[in-house]
N, C-alpha and C. Protein backbone atom coordinates (compact mmCIF):
# COMPACT_ATOMS: atom_id res chain seq x y z
N MET A 1 121.89 98.81 79.59
CA MET A 1 121.62 98.11 80.97
C MET A 1 121.95 99.13 81.90
N ALA A 2 123.15 99.41 81.90
CA ALA A 2 123.55 100.61 82.96
C ALA A 2 122.89 101.88 82.88
N ILE A 3 122.74 102.33 81.86
CA ILE A 3 121.84 103.54 81.60
C ILE A 3 120.42 103.52 82.26
N ASP A 4 119.71 102.25 82.01
CA ASP A 4 118.47 102.13 82.54
C ASP A 4 118.44 101.93 83.86
N LYS A 5 119.70 101.26 84.44
CA LYS A 5 119.76 101.04 85.74
C LYS A 5 119.81 102.43 86.66
N ALA A 6 120.64 103.40 86.05
CA ALA A 6 120.78 104.78 86.83
C ALA A 6 119.41 105.35 86.59
N TRP A 7 118.56 105.32 85.43
CA TRP A 7 117.38 105.94 85.13
C TRP A 7 116.31 105.19 86.16
N THR A 8 116.52 104.13 86.57
CA THR A 8 115.50 103.39 87.40
C THR A 8 115.87 103.79 88.92
N ALA A 9 117.21 104.00 89.34
CA ALA A 9 117.58 104.53 90.68
C ALA A 9 117.24 105.80 90.85
N ALA A 10 117.39 106.70 89.88
CA ALA A 10 116.79 108.26 89.78
C ALA A 10 115.34 108.26 89.85
N SER A 11 114.50 107.44 89.32
CA SER A 11 113.11 107.69 89.13
C SER A 11 112.41 107.10 90.34
N PHE A 12 113.03 105.96 90.99
CA PHE A 12 112.28 105.42 92.16
C PHE A 12 112.95 105.83 93.54
N ARG A 13 114.15 106.64 93.22
CA ARG A 13 114.82 107.29 94.36
C ARG A 13 115.44 105.99 95.44
N ARG A 14 115.69 105.05 94.76
CA ARG A 14 116.39 103.92 95.54
C ARG A 14 117.25 102.94 94.80
N ASN A 15 118.12 102.24 95.44
CA ASN A 15 118.82 101.25 94.77
C ASN A 15 118.25 100.07 94.17
N THR A 16 118.62 100.09 93.00
CA THR A 16 118.02 99.00 92.03
C THR A 16 117.89 97.67 92.67
N GLY A 17 119.05 97.31 93.52
CA GLY A 17 118.98 95.98 94.13
C GLY A 17 118.02 95.91 95.14
N ASP A 18 117.68 96.95 95.89
CA ASP A 18 116.49 96.80 96.83
C ASP A 18 115.15 96.68 95.89
N LEU A 19 115.04 97.52 94.77
CA LEU A 19 113.91 97.33 94.04
C LEU A 19 113.77 95.96 93.54
N ALA A 20 114.85 95.26 93.20
CA ALA A 20 114.68 93.97 92.88
C ALA A 20 114.08 93.05 93.76
N ALA A 21 114.39 93.02 94.93
CA ALA A 21 113.80 92.24 96.01
C ALA A 21 112.35 92.51 96.27
N GLU A 22 112.12 93.79 96.00
CA GLU A 22 110.56 94.45 96.36
C GLU A 22 109.66 94.03 95.17
N THR A 23 110.24 93.63 94.07
CA THR A 23 109.37 93.39 92.76
C THR A 23 109.46 92.05 92.46
N GLN A 24 109.76 91.02 93.19
CA GLN A 24 109.75 89.69 92.80
C GLN A 24 108.37 89.36 92.33
N ALA A 25 108.10 88.42 91.64
CA ALA A 25 106.75 87.76 91.36
C ALA A 25 105.96 87.41 92.73
N GLY A 26 104.96 87.89 92.79
CA GLY A 26 103.97 87.53 93.79
C GLY A 26 103.81 88.81 94.77
N ARG A 27 104.94 89.62 94.56
CA ARG A 27 104.86 90.76 95.77
C ARG A 27 104.14 91.81 94.97
N PRO A 28 103.40 92.80 96.00
CA PRO A 28 102.66 93.86 95.59
C PRO A 28 103.12 94.72 94.43
N MET A 29 104.46 94.98 94.46
CA MET A 29 104.96 96.00 93.49
C MET A 29 105.69 95.18 92.27
N SER A 30 105.38 93.93 91.86
CA SER A 30 105.82 93.19 91.05
C SER A 30 105.74 93.67 89.58
N GLY A 31 104.47 94.41 89.27
CA GLY A 31 104.08 95.07 88.08
C GLY A 31 105.06 96.25 87.53
N ILE A 32 105.94 96.83 88.47
CA ILE A 32 106.90 97.69 88.13
C ILE A 32 107.87 97.00 87.30
N ARG A 33 108.25 95.88 87.38
CA ARG A 33 109.08 95.39 86.28
C ARG A 33 108.75 95.35 84.71
N ASP A 34 107.42 95.68 84.59
CA ASP A 34 106.73 95.56 83.34
C ASP A 34 106.92 97.04 82.65
N LEU A 35 107.26 97.85 83.42
CA LEU A 35 107.34 99.51 82.99
C LEU A 35 108.72 99.48 81.84
N PRO A 36 108.40 100.22 80.94
CA PRO A 36 109.60 100.64 80.05
C PRO A 36 110.87 101.21 80.94
N ARG A 37 111.89 100.70 80.46
CA ARG A 37 113.31 101.30 81.09
C ARG A 37 113.49 101.01 82.62
N VAL A 38 112.73 100.27 83.15
CA VAL A 38 112.97 99.68 84.53
C VAL A 38 113.75 98.39 84.47
N VAL A 39 114.85 98.48 85.29
CA VAL A 39 115.76 97.38 85.46
C VAL A 39 115.95 97.26 87.03
N ALA A 40 115.18 96.09 87.41
CA ALA A 40 115.19 95.79 88.96
C ALA A 40 116.22 94.69 89.26
N ALA A 41 117.38 95.17 89.04
CA ALA A 41 118.63 94.37 89.35
C ALA A 41 119.66 95.21 89.85
N GLY A 42 120.59 94.81 90.73
CA GLY A 42 121.58 95.53 91.48
C GLY A 42 122.48 96.18 90.55
N GLY A 43 122.92 97.56 90.94
CA GLY A 43 123.73 98.20 90.11
C GLY A 43 123.51 99.56 89.66
N GLY A 44 122.29 100.06 90.22
CA GLY A 44 121.79 101.42 90.09
C GLY A 44 121.63 102.06 91.50
N VAL A 45 122.32 103.17 91.73
CA VAL A 45 122.40 103.93 92.97
C VAL A 45 122.17 105.29 92.70
N PRO A 46 121.11 105.81 93.47
CA PRO A 46 120.78 107.34 93.35
C PRO A 46 122.02 107.90 94.21
N ILE A 47 122.23 109.30 93.55
CA ILE A 47 123.11 110.26 94.17
C ILE A 47 122.34 111.42 94.88
N ASP A 48 122.22 111.15 96.27
CA ASP A 48 121.47 112.37 97.02
C ASP A 48 122.07 112.81 98.16
N GLU A 49 121.74 113.75 98.45
CA GLU A 49 122.42 114.31 99.97
C GLU A 49 121.32 115.13 100.63
N ALA A 50 120.82 114.88 101.88
CA ALA A 50 119.96 115.53 102.65
C ALA A 50 118.60 115.65 102.02
N GLY A 51 118.18 114.59 101.18
CA GLY A 51 116.87 114.62 100.56
C GLY A 51 116.84 115.08 99.35
N VAL A 52 117.93 115.65 98.94
CA VAL A 52 117.99 116.11 97.51
C VAL A 52 118.63 115.27 96.56
N LEU A 53 117.87 114.92 95.25
CA LEU A 53 118.38 114.01 94.36
C LEU A 53 119.28 114.64 93.28
N PHE A 54 120.38 114.19 93.11
CA PHE A 54 121.44 115.07 92.03
C PHE A 54 121.49 114.29 90.93
N GLY A 55 120.99 112.82 91.00
CA GLY A 55 121.08 111.91 89.71
C GLY A 55 121.24 110.55 90.24
N ALA A 56 121.91 109.77 89.46
CA ALA A 56 122.08 108.26 89.72
C ALA A 56 123.14 107.81 88.89
N ILE A 57 123.87 106.77 89.51
CA ILE A 57 124.89 106.08 88.65
C ILE A 57 124.34 104.51 88.34
N GLY A 58 124.78 103.93 87.19
CA GLY A 58 124.46 102.70 86.93
C GLY A 58 125.59 101.97 86.40
N VAL A 59 125.66 100.56 86.91
CA VAL A 59 126.98 100.13 86.48
C VAL A 59 126.21 98.73 86.16
N SER A 60 127.00 98.00 84.91
CA SER A 60 126.50 96.75 84.56
C SER A 60 127.65 95.93 84.07
N GLY A 61 127.77 94.54 84.03
CA GLY A 61 128.77 94.01 83.41
C GLY A 61 129.72 93.20 84.53
N GLY A 62 129.44 93.42 85.72
CA GLY A 62 130.07 92.71 86.73
C GLY A 62 129.53 91.37 87.05
N PRO A 63 130.13 90.52 87.74
CA PRO A 63 129.56 89.19 88.00
C PRO A 63 128.45 89.26 89.03
N GLY A 64 127.22 89.79 88.54
CA GLY A 64 126.21 89.91 89.56
C GLY A 64 125.81 91.41 89.84
N GLY A 65 124.47 91.53 90.37
CA GLY A 65 124.06 92.94 90.77
C GLY A 65 124.89 93.36 92.10
N GLU A 66 125.37 92.47 92.88
CA GLU A 66 125.90 92.89 94.07
C GLU A 66 127.32 93.54 93.69
N ALA A 67 127.82 93.02 92.79
CA ALA A 67 129.37 93.60 92.35
C ALA A 67 128.99 94.81 91.56
N ASP A 68 128.04 95.05 90.82
CA ASP A 68 127.68 96.26 90.06
C ASP A 68 127.33 97.37 91.01
N GLU A 69 126.52 96.98 92.07
CA GLU A 69 126.24 98.07 92.97
C GLU A 69 127.54 98.50 93.84
N SER A 70 128.24 97.55 94.14
CA SER A 70 129.69 97.90 94.87
C SER A 70 130.44 98.95 94.07
N CYS A 71 130.58 98.59 92.82
CA CYS A 71 131.17 99.58 91.89
C CYS A 71 130.56 100.82 91.78
N ALA A 72 129.26 100.86 91.67
CA ALA A 72 128.52 102.33 91.68
C ALA A 72 128.85 103.05 92.81
N ARG A 73 128.98 102.38 94.05
CA ARG A 73 129.05 102.96 95.22
C ARG A 73 130.64 103.58 95.27
N ALA A 74 131.48 102.76 94.78
CA ALA A 74 133.03 103.27 94.83
C ALA A 74 133.05 104.40 93.81
N GLY A 75 132.35 104.42 92.63
CA GLY A 75 132.57 105.65 91.76
C GLY A 75 131.89 106.80 92.41
N ILE A 76 130.60 106.73 93.11
CA ILE A 76 130.31 107.96 93.87
C ILE A 76 131.05 108.42 94.99
N LYS A 77 131.69 107.61 95.83
CA LYS A 77 132.62 107.92 96.61
C LYS A 77 134.02 108.49 96.15
N ALA A 78 134.39 107.98 95.00
CA ALA A 78 135.51 108.60 94.37
C ALA A 78 135.56 110.13 93.95
N VAL A 79 134.27 110.53 93.76
CA VAL A 79 134.12 111.81 93.24
C VAL A 79 133.34 112.54 94.18
N ALA A 80 133.04 112.12 95.31
CA ALA A 80 132.26 112.69 96.28
C ALA A 80 132.73 114.15 96.64
N ASP A 81 133.96 114.33 96.82
CA ASP A 81 134.53 115.67 97.09
C ASP A 81 134.50 116.81 96.13
N GLU A 82 134.20 116.28 94.84
CA GLU A 82 133.98 117.22 93.68
C GLU A 82 132.65 117.51 93.38
N LEU A 83 131.74 116.88 94.23
CA LEU A 83 130.32 117.05 94.15
C LEU A 83 129.90 118.37 95.16
N SER A 84 128.92 119.18 94.57
CA SER A 84 128.58 120.29 95.47
C SER A 84 127.46 119.81 96.20
N PHE A 85 127.71 119.02 97.34
CA PHE A 85 126.33 118.66 98.22
C PHE A 85 126.15 119.72 99.27
């Protein structure tokens, strides 16, 4: 699940929590949920700087998507100084 959250965040260049809200049933982008590997649930966060995508991180297993996303953001923050942005 975490790998696919990272894949989704990198592919769509957005947090998977935001994608979850935009792809609810009845919304124009709801069909995205039917694509292979797409996980529209919180926990996937793209890693970018100044519009350049470096990758993404995915976290799964917390008590809900908000906790997973918080953990992903903390992970990015923990290594931000070592990333060459």
